Protein backbone atom coordinates (compact mmCIF):
# COMPACT_ATOMS: atom_id res chain seq x y z
CA MET A 1 -215.80 -69.29 108.43
CA GLU A 2 -212.17 -68.11 109.36
CA PHE A 3 -210.31 -70.23 112.29
CA ARG A 4 -209.04 -66.81 113.14
CA ASP A 5 -210.31 -63.90 110.87
CA LEU A 6 -207.38 -61.26 110.37
CA ARG A 7 -209.45 -59.73 107.34
CA LYS A 8 -212.14 -58.50 109.90
CA GLN A 9 -209.75 -57.18 112.35
CA TYR A 10 -207.90 -55.27 109.57
CA ALA A 11 -211.08 -54.01 108.28
CA SER A 12 -212.28 -52.71 111.88
CA MET A 13 -208.90 -50.44 112.52
CA LYS A 14 -207.84 -49.80 108.88
CA MET A 15 -207.89 -46.30 108.90
CA GLN A 16 -205.13 -46.02 111.72
CA ILE A 17 -202.93 -49.03 110.47
CA ASP A 18 -202.93 -47.43 106.86
CA GLN A 19 -202.05 -43.84 108.29
CA ASN A 20 -199.24 -45.63 110.62
CA ILE A 21 -197.94 -47.58 107.84
CA GLN A 22 -197.74 -44.78 105.30
CA LYS A 23 -195.97 -42.48 107.86
CA VAL A 24 -193.21 -45.09 107.95
CA LEU A 25 -193.50 -45.02 103.95
CA ASN A 26 -193.43 -41.34 103.80
CA ASP A 27 -190.34 -40.97 106.32
CA ALA A 28 -188.43 -43.98 104.86
CA ASN A 29 -187.05 -44.84 108.12
CA PHE A 30 -187.71 -48.63 108.18
CA ILE A 31 -184.97 -49.92 110.56
CA MET A 32 -185.01 -48.94 114.14
CA GLY A 33 -187.24 -46.08 113.22
CA SER A 34 -189.02 -43.78 116.15
CA GLN A 35 -191.83 -46.05 116.22
CA VAL A 36 -189.73 -49.07 117.54
CA VAL A 37 -189.05 -47.11 120.74
CA GLU A 38 -192.35 -45.77 121.12
CA LEU A 39 -193.90 -49.44 120.67
CA GLU A 40 -191.23 -50.55 123.44
CA ASN A 41 -192.23 -47.98 125.98
CA ALA A 42 -196.03 -48.44 125.34
CA LEU A 43 -195.40 -52.51 125.89
CA ALA A 44 -193.30 -52.26 128.95
CA GLU A 45 -196.05 -49.62 130.53
CA TYR A 46 -198.69 -52.12 129.64
CA VAL A 47 -196.96 -55.20 131.26
CA GLY A 48 -195.90 -53.41 134.06
CA VAL A 49 -191.91 -53.59 133.85
CA LYS A 50 -188.92 -51.56 133.28
CA HIS A 51 -187.92 -52.73 130.09
CA CYS A 52 -189.25 -54.21 126.75
CA ILE A 53 -186.86 -54.85 123.91
CA THR A 54 -188.37 -55.91 120.61
CA CYS A 55 -186.78 -58.11 118.06
CA ALA A 56 -187.49 -59.95 114.64
CA ASN A 57 -189.83 -62.86 116.34
CA GLY A 58 -190.93 -64.92 119.34
CA THR A 59 -188.06 -67.64 118.74
CA ASP A 60 -185.03 -64.98 118.75
CA ALA A 61 -186.65 -63.45 121.79
CA LEU A 62 -186.24 -66.60 123.74
CA GLN A 63 -182.68 -67.31 122.50
CA LEU A 64 -181.50 -63.83 122.95
CA SER A 65 -182.85 -64.32 126.63
CA LEU A 66 -180.58 -67.62 127.07
CA ILE A 67 -177.58 -65.95 125.36
CA ALA A 68 -177.72 -62.98 127.87
CA TRP A 69 -177.79 -65.59 130.76
CA ASN A 70 -174.76 -67.51 129.21
CA VAL A 71 -176.86 -70.66 128.96
CA GLY A 72 -174.81 -73.29 127.00
CA VAL A 73 -173.16 -76.71 127.20
CA MET A 74 -173.84 -78.98 130.40
CA ASP A 75 -176.66 -76.45 131.29
CA ALA A 76 -180.15 -78.20 131.93
CA VAL A 77 -183.25 -76.12 130.61
CA PHE A 78 -186.58 -77.40 131.55
CA VAL A 79 -189.41 -77.28 129.15
CA PRO A 80 -193.12 -78.12 128.89
CA ASP A 81 -193.33 -81.21 126.59
CA PHE A 82 -196.80 -79.71 125.17
CA THR A 83 -195.93 -76.70 123.48
CA PHE A 84 -194.54 -75.17 120.02
CA PHE A 85 -190.99 -76.38 118.94
CA SER A 86 -189.32 -73.09 119.08
CA SER A 87 -189.48 -73.47 123.06
CA GLY A 88 -187.31 -76.29 123.24
CA GLU A 89 -185.13 -75.54 119.81
CA VAL A 90 -183.69 -72.42 121.45
CA VAL A 91 -182.15 -74.50 124.43
CA ALA A 92 -180.52 -76.81 121.81
CA ALA A 93 -179.48 -73.85 119.75
CA VAL A 94 -177.30 -72.49 122.41
CA GLY A 95 -175.78 -75.76 123.02
CA ALA A 96 -177.68 -76.40 126.43
CA THR A 97 -179.99 -79.49 126.99
CA PRO A 98 -183.52 -79.42 126.60
CA ILE A 99 -185.31 -81.34 129.77
CA PHE A 100 -188.80 -81.86 128.82
CA VAL A 101 -191.59 -81.70 131.41
CA ASP A 102 -195.16 -83.17 131.55
CA VAL A 103 -198.01 -80.65 131.66
CA ASP A 104 -200.99 -80.35 133.74
CA LYS A 105 -204.13 -82.13 131.79
CA ASP A 106 -206.60 -79.50 132.71
CA THR A 107 -204.81 -76.43 132.04
CA CYS A 108 -202.25 -77.92 129.52
CA ASN A 109 -199.29 -75.74 131.31
CA ILE A 110 -196.27 -77.10 132.90
CA SER A 111 -196.91 -79.38 135.79
CA ILE A 112 -195.27 -78.43 138.88
CA ASP A 113 -194.89 -82.16 140.33
CA SER A 114 -193.16 -83.15 137.17
CA LEU A 115 -191.15 -80.21 137.07
CA GLN A 116 -189.87 -80.95 140.58
CA TYR A 117 -189.34 -84.85 139.68
CA MET A 118 -187.33 -83.64 136.52
CA ILE A 119 -185.18 -81.25 138.19
CA GLU A 120 -184.51 -83.85 140.99
CA LYS A 121 -183.67 -86.29 138.61
CA VAL A 122 -181.00 -84.13 136.71
CA ILE A 123 -179.49 -83.35 139.88
CA ALA A 124 -179.39 -86.94 141.01
CA GLU A 125 -177.61 -87.97 137.85
CA GLY A 126 -175.04 -85.35 138.28
CA LYS A 127 -174.12 -84.44 134.56
CA LEU A 128 -176.03 -81.24 133.89
CA THR A 129 -176.49 -77.99 136.12
CA PRO A 130 -180.07 -76.90 136.21
CA LYS A 131 -180.27 -73.33 135.11
CA VAL A 132 -183.65 -72.15 133.38
CA ILE A 133 -187.46 -73.09 133.55
CA ILE A 134 -188.84 -72.02 130.12
CA SER A 135 -192.79 -71.37 131.46
CA VAL A 136 -195.01 -71.41 128.53
CA ASP A 137 -198.39 -69.58 129.03
CA LEU A 138 -200.27 -72.32 126.76
CA PHE A 139 -203.56 -70.90 125.01
CA GLY A 140 -203.49 -67.75 126.85
CA GLN A 141 -203.32 -68.60 130.45
CA PRO A 142 -200.52 -67.73 132.37
CA ALA A 143 -198.58 -70.85 134.13
CA GLU A 144 -198.55 -71.62 137.71
CA TYR A 145 -195.90 -68.83 138.78
CA GLU A 146 -196.18 -68.78 142.33
CA ALA A 147 -195.31 -72.77 142.44
CA ILE A 148 -192.78 -72.14 139.82
CA ARG A 149 -191.00 -69.32 141.60
CA LYS A 150 -190.62 -71.54 144.66
CA LEU A 151 -188.99 -74.27 142.78
CA ALA A 152 -186.75 -71.64 140.89
CA GLU A 153 -185.53 -70.32 144.23
CA LYS A 154 -185.26 -73.56 145.76
CA TYR A 155 -182.75 -74.67 142.92
CA HIS A 156 -181.20 -71.28 141.83
CA MET A 157 -182.82 -71.08 138.49
CA TYR A 158 -184.13 -68.48 136.18
CA ILE A 159 -187.46 -68.55 134.89
CA LEU A 160 -187.95 -67.71 131.33
CA GLU A 161 -191.73 -66.87 130.63
CA ASP A 162 -192.64 -67.80 127.15
CA GLY A 163 -195.62 -65.52 126.92
CA ALA A 164 -195.92 -66.15 122.88
CA GLN A 165 -199.57 -67.03 123.48
CA GLY A 166 -200.27 -65.74 126.97
CA PHE A 167 -199.88 -61.81 126.08
CA GLY A 168 -202.87 -60.11 127.66
CA GLY A 169 -203.25 -62.94 130.39
CA ARG A 170 -203.54 -62.21 134.07
CA ILE A 171 -203.02 -63.53 137.48
CA GLY A 172 -204.85 -61.21 139.51
CA GLU A 173 -204.14 -57.49 138.60
CA ALA A 174 -200.54 -58.83 137.15
CA ARG A 175 -200.12 -59.27 133.67
CA ALA A 176 -198.35 -61.89 131.82
CA CYS A 177 -194.93 -61.11 130.60
CA SER A 178 -194.35 -59.87 134.23
CA PHE A 179 -193.85 -63.09 135.95
CA GLY A 180 -190.44 -64.54 134.73
CA ASP A 181 -187.00 -63.07 135.44
CA VAL A 182 -187.24 -62.47 131.55
CA ALA A 183 -190.25 -62.98 129.48
CA THR A 184 -190.94 -63.03 125.76
CA THR A 185 -193.90 -62.70 123.32
CA SER A 186 -194.37 -63.17 119.65
CA PHE A 187 -196.19 -60.94 117.23
CA PHE A 188 -196.69 -63.52 114.66
CA PRO A 189 -200.21 -62.34 112.91
CA ALA A 190 -202.27 -65.31 114.77
CA LYS A 191 -200.98 -64.12 118.21
CA PRO A 192 -203.22 -62.67 120.64
CA LEU A 193 -201.31 -59.24 119.37
CA GLY A 194 -199.97 -59.81 116.22
CA CYS A 195 -198.48 -57.89 113.38
CA TYR A 196 -198.34 -58.39 109.85
CA GLY A 197 -195.02 -60.42 109.74
CA ASP A 198 -192.74 -61.84 112.25
CA GLY A 199 -191.91 -59.81 115.41
CA GLY A 200 -191.25 -60.47 118.85
CA ALA A 201 -190.34 -58.91 122.16
CA ILE A 202 -188.73 -59.55 125.61
CA PHE A 203 -189.49 -57.96 129.02
CA THR A 204 -187.50 -57.52 132.22
CA ASN A 205 -187.01 -55.24 135.17
CA CYS A 206 -182.98 -55.75 135.32
CA ASP A 207 -181.27 -53.01 133.65
CA GLU A 208 -177.89 -55.20 133.03
CA TRP A 209 -179.81 -57.87 131.14
CA ALA A 210 -181.70 -55.40 129.00
CA GLU A 211 -178.58 -53.75 127.90
CA VAL A 212 -177.15 -56.89 127.01
CA ILE A 213 -180.30 -58.04 124.77
CA LYS A 214 -180.42 -54.63 123.30
CA SER A 215 -176.57 -55.30 122.11
CA LEU A 216 -177.10 -58.88 121.19
CA ARG A 217 -179.97 -58.11 119.02
CA VAL A 218 -177.83 -55.76 116.58
CA HIS A 219 -174.88 -58.04 116.32
CA GLY A 220 -173.34 -57.30 119.68
CA LYS A 221 -173.26 -53.67 119.23
CA GLY A 222 -171.32 -51.45 121.36
CA GLU A 223 -170.87 -47.78 121.00
CA SER A 224 -171.74 -47.73 117.40
CA LYS A 225 -172.81 -50.41 114.62
CA TYR A 226 -169.08 -50.82 113.94
CA ASP A 227 -168.20 -51.57 117.45
CA ASN A 228 -169.10 -54.96 118.47
CA ILE A 229 -168.47 -56.04 121.86
CA ARG A 230 -170.09 -59.64 121.76
CA ILE A 231 -171.31 -62.13 119.58
CA GLY A 232 -174.77 -61.46 118.79
CA MET A 233 -177.43 -61.76 115.92
CA ASN A 234 -179.52 -59.52 113.75
CA SER A 235 -182.84 -59.42 115.19
CA ARG A 236 -184.65 -56.11 115.05
CA LEU A 237 -188.29 -55.36 114.67
CA ASP A 238 -188.91 -53.63 111.57
CA THR A 239 -190.55 -50.06 111.89
CA ILE A 240 -193.58 -51.00 109.33
CA GLN A 241 -194.50 -53.76 112.14
CA ALA A 242 -193.91 -51.73 114.92
CA SER A 243 -196.46 -48.95 113.37
CA VAL A 244 -199.28 -51.74 113.00
CA LEU A 245 -198.69 -52.81 116.65
CA LEU A 246 -199.21 -49.32 117.89
CA ALA A 247 -202.50 -49.00 116.01
CA LYS A 248 -203.54 -52.27 117.70
CA LEU A 249 -202.57 -52.08 121.00
CA PRO A 250 -205.07 -49.77 122.50
CA ILE A 251 -208.02 -51.95 120.38
CA PHE A 252 -206.55 -55.15 122.10
CA GLU A 253 -206.79 -53.64 125.38
CA GLN A 254 -210.10 -51.97 125.14
CA LYS A 255 -212.09 -54.43 122.93
CA GLU A 256 -210.37 -57.64 121.70
CA LEU A 257 -209.80 -59.12 125.00
CA ILE A 258 -213.31 -58.08 126.05
CA GLU A 259 -214.83 -59.69 123.34
CA VAL A 260 -212.91 -63.12 123.43
CA GLU A 261 -213.67 -63.40 127.22
CA LYS A 262 -217.53 -62.94 126.25
CA LEU A 263 -217.25 -65.69 123.37
CA ALA A 264 -215.21 -67.94 125.75
CA GLN A 265 -217.94 -67.75 128.36
CA TYR A 266 -220.53 -68.46 125.41
CA TYR A 267 -219.10 -71.56 124.24
CA ASN A 268 -218.48 -72.79 127.76
CA GLU A 269 -221.97 -72.35 128.58
CA LYS A 270 -223.22 -74.19 125.33
CA LEU A 271 -220.46 -76.95 125.23
CA SER A 272 -219.81 -77.98 128.69
CA ALA A 273 -222.22 -80.71 128.80
CA TYR A 274 -220.58 -82.54 125.66
CA VAL A 275 -217.01 -81.82 125.67
CA LYS A 276 -214.27 -80.83 128.30
CA ILE A 277 -213.84 -76.96 127.77
CA PRO A 278 -210.92 -75.37 128.71
CA SER A 279 -210.01 -74.82 132.30
CA VAL A 280 -209.18 -71.43 133.66
CA LYS A 281 -207.64 -71.42 137.01
CA GLU A 282 -209.58 -69.21 139.96
CA GLY A 283 -207.89 -65.71 140.13
CA TYR A 284 -206.24 -66.25 136.40
CA ARG A 285 -207.49 -64.55 133.21
CA SER A 286 -206.93 -65.77 129.63
CA SER A 287 -206.25 -63.82 126.75
CA TRP A 288 -207.63 -66.81 124.80
CA ALA A 289 -205.16 -67.38 122.05
CA GLN A 290 -206.82 -70.49 121.44
CA TYR A 291 -210.21 -72.15 122.40
CA THR A 292 -209.34 -75.62 122.88
CA ILE A 293 -211.66 -78.45 124.03
CA GLN A 294 -210.73 -82.15 124.71
CA VAL A 295 -212.70 -85.31 123.92
CA GLU A 296 -212.70 -88.93 124.96
CA ASN A 297 -209.80 -90.25 122.54
CA GLN A 298 -207.82 -89.70 119.37
CA ASN A 299 -210.57 -91.39 117.11
CA ASP A 300 -213.33 -89.06 118.43
CA ARG A 301 -210.97 -86.16 117.92
CA ASP A 302 -210.05 -87.17 114.25
CA GLU A 303 -213.75 -87.99 113.48
CA LEU A 304 -215.27 -84.98 115.21
CA GLN A 305 -212.57 -82.51 113.37
CA GLN A 306 -213.37 -84.39 109.88
CA PHE A 307 -217.04 -83.83 110.71
CA LEU A 308 -216.64 -80.14 111.42
CA LYS A 309 -214.42 -79.54 108.06
CA ASP A 310 -217.24 -81.35 106.04
CA ASN A 311 -219.41 -78.60 107.55
CA GLY A 312 -217.24 -75.92 106.49
CA ILE A 313 -215.79 -75.39 110.12
CA PRO A 314 -212.16 -75.03 109.97
CA THR A 315 -210.17 -76.33 113.34
CA ALA A 316 -206.68 -77.04 114.51
CA VAL A 317 -205.06 -79.34 116.60
CA TYR A 318 -201.97 -77.98 118.93
CA TYR A 319 -200.10 -80.01 119.18
CA GLN A 320 -200.08 -83.55 117.37
CA LYS A 321 -196.55 -84.49 118.49
CA PRO A 322 -195.05 -84.15 121.95
CA MET A 323 -191.76 -82.32 121.99
CA HIS A 324 -190.11 -85.39 123.66
CA GLN A 325 -191.02 -87.64 120.40
CA GLN A 326 -189.86 -85.20 117.73
CA LYS A 327 -186.84 -86.56 115.62
CA ALA A 328 -184.74 -83.36 116.00
CA PHE A 329 -184.46 -84.15 120.02
CA GLU A 330 -184.09 -87.84 119.62
CA LYS A 331 -180.64 -88.22 120.80
CA TYR A 332 -181.83 -87.37 124.24
CA GLU A 333 -183.67 -90.57 124.52
CA TYR A 334 -186.78 -89.65 126.66
CA ALA A 335 -189.15 -92.01 128.10
CA ASP A 336 -192.59 -91.96 127.07
CA GLU A 337 -193.60 -92.92 130.76
CA ASN A 338 -192.82 -89.55 131.94
CA TYR A 339 -195.18 -87.69 129.72
CA GLN A 340 -198.36 -89.37 130.00
CA ASN A 341 -200.59 -86.20 130.07
CA THR A 342 -198.86 -84.70 126.96
CA ILE A 343 -199.34 -87.83 125.04
CA HIS A 344 -203.06 -88.01 126.18
CA LEU A 345 -203.53 -84.31 125.12
CA SER A 346 -201.85 -84.69 121.92
CA GLN A 347 -204.62 -87.26 120.89
CA THR A 348 -207.48 -85.41 122.20
CA VAL A 349 -207.32 -81.67 122.02
CA LEU A 350 -209.35 -79.92 119.20
CA SER A 351 -208.75 -75.85 118.91
CA LEU A 352 -212.03 -74.34 117.42
CA PRO A 353 -212.54 -71.00 115.49
CA PHE A 354 -212.11 -68.34 117.89
CA HIS A 355 -211.44 -64.40 117.57
CA PRO A 356 -212.67 -61.25 118.71
CA TYR A 357 -214.46 -60.32 115.48
CA MET A 358 -216.37 -63.51 115.11
CA ASP A 359 -220.05 -63.54 113.95
CA MET A 360 -222.19 -65.09 116.47
CA LYS A 361 -224.12 -66.82 113.78
CA ASP A 362 -220.81 -68.74 113.12
CA ALA A 363 -220.25 -69.42 116.76
CA ASP A 364 -223.75 -70.92 116.93
CA LYS A 365 -223.00 -73.23 113.85
CA VAL A 366 -219.82 -74.44 115.51
CA ILE A 367 -221.60 -75.26 118.60
CA GLU A 368 -224.65 -77.01 116.69
CA LYS A 369 -222.36 -79.02 114.59
CA ILE A 370 -220.37 -80.10 117.96
CA VAL A 371 -223.51 -80.94 119.66
CA GLU A 372 -224.91 -82.59 116.67
CA TYR A 373 -221.70 -84.96 116.46
CA MET A 374 -221.78 -85.68 120.19
CA GLU A 375 -225.27 -86.78 120.41
CA ARG A 376 -224.85 -89.26 117.36
């Protein structure tokens, strides 16, 4: 059993992927080939924004966005405490200060109450200027953007939507990566829409920011590759990866999102009496980057994980150590008391095998063994 079976996915669309890759090989246009622009146009149309700028990975997408806004020293950037390291790493990388925010215990997304508290705390201390809210669409569900937008407007801040896990999710009919002033996603292979290496993208409706980001991703390029008008980086999406994503995008929309929704509902129905199942807010749709349950405490979680492993069932823990406890951020001296939900989640969450190509016999085995363990 695979946690996320990329082999089955490839087998199901092998002909189109192979044809697309072969065309790149035949044309030998490996850097910024026509497929890159084609993909950017398709992604912008899918999300519903004016501009999509692809780049080398999801981390660079976040960092390029912050650079475009001139975020730096003496700026405060607010980041959920329960997320992958890169969401906070990019803040420190541009010289700004990451301010970690507790999350909602049900959705695992940024807590609006904690966010407002931390913003007002920074303002009261008077040392930093609140500049950006990085809202992470964790496990596939968009964050609470109506409430986040009110805070951003009240305190004159930008919203940077980290949609690395959320691509394909929705609030009403609006799609993830359309909610921030700028949004980003990752095409890491295990993401909802993944390529066969690293890849990322940035989305915005702002013409000015889009042009700056296009320059930044190619060494601060001006009119030509030898005309450099700003300090940038080398962060282009490979043409081969663009060709893979062009093959996958229609299947992602027409099949994969439908299949993971069915599987999530099946898990929900069978497991709700035994564990805390994922909570999706009314009017929201998750793209189900992961299916993550919660149990009572860390001992139960660790024992359940081992029991499933002994029965040939792979699982994962996102995330075992909160951001504020990472050694890389120790100089900021965060207090555990501000992150009680995150600490609890880090001890009690467990992500199950879950993907659009999952055999229902495997799903039934996962359910059977969880029920067996919980009834002991």
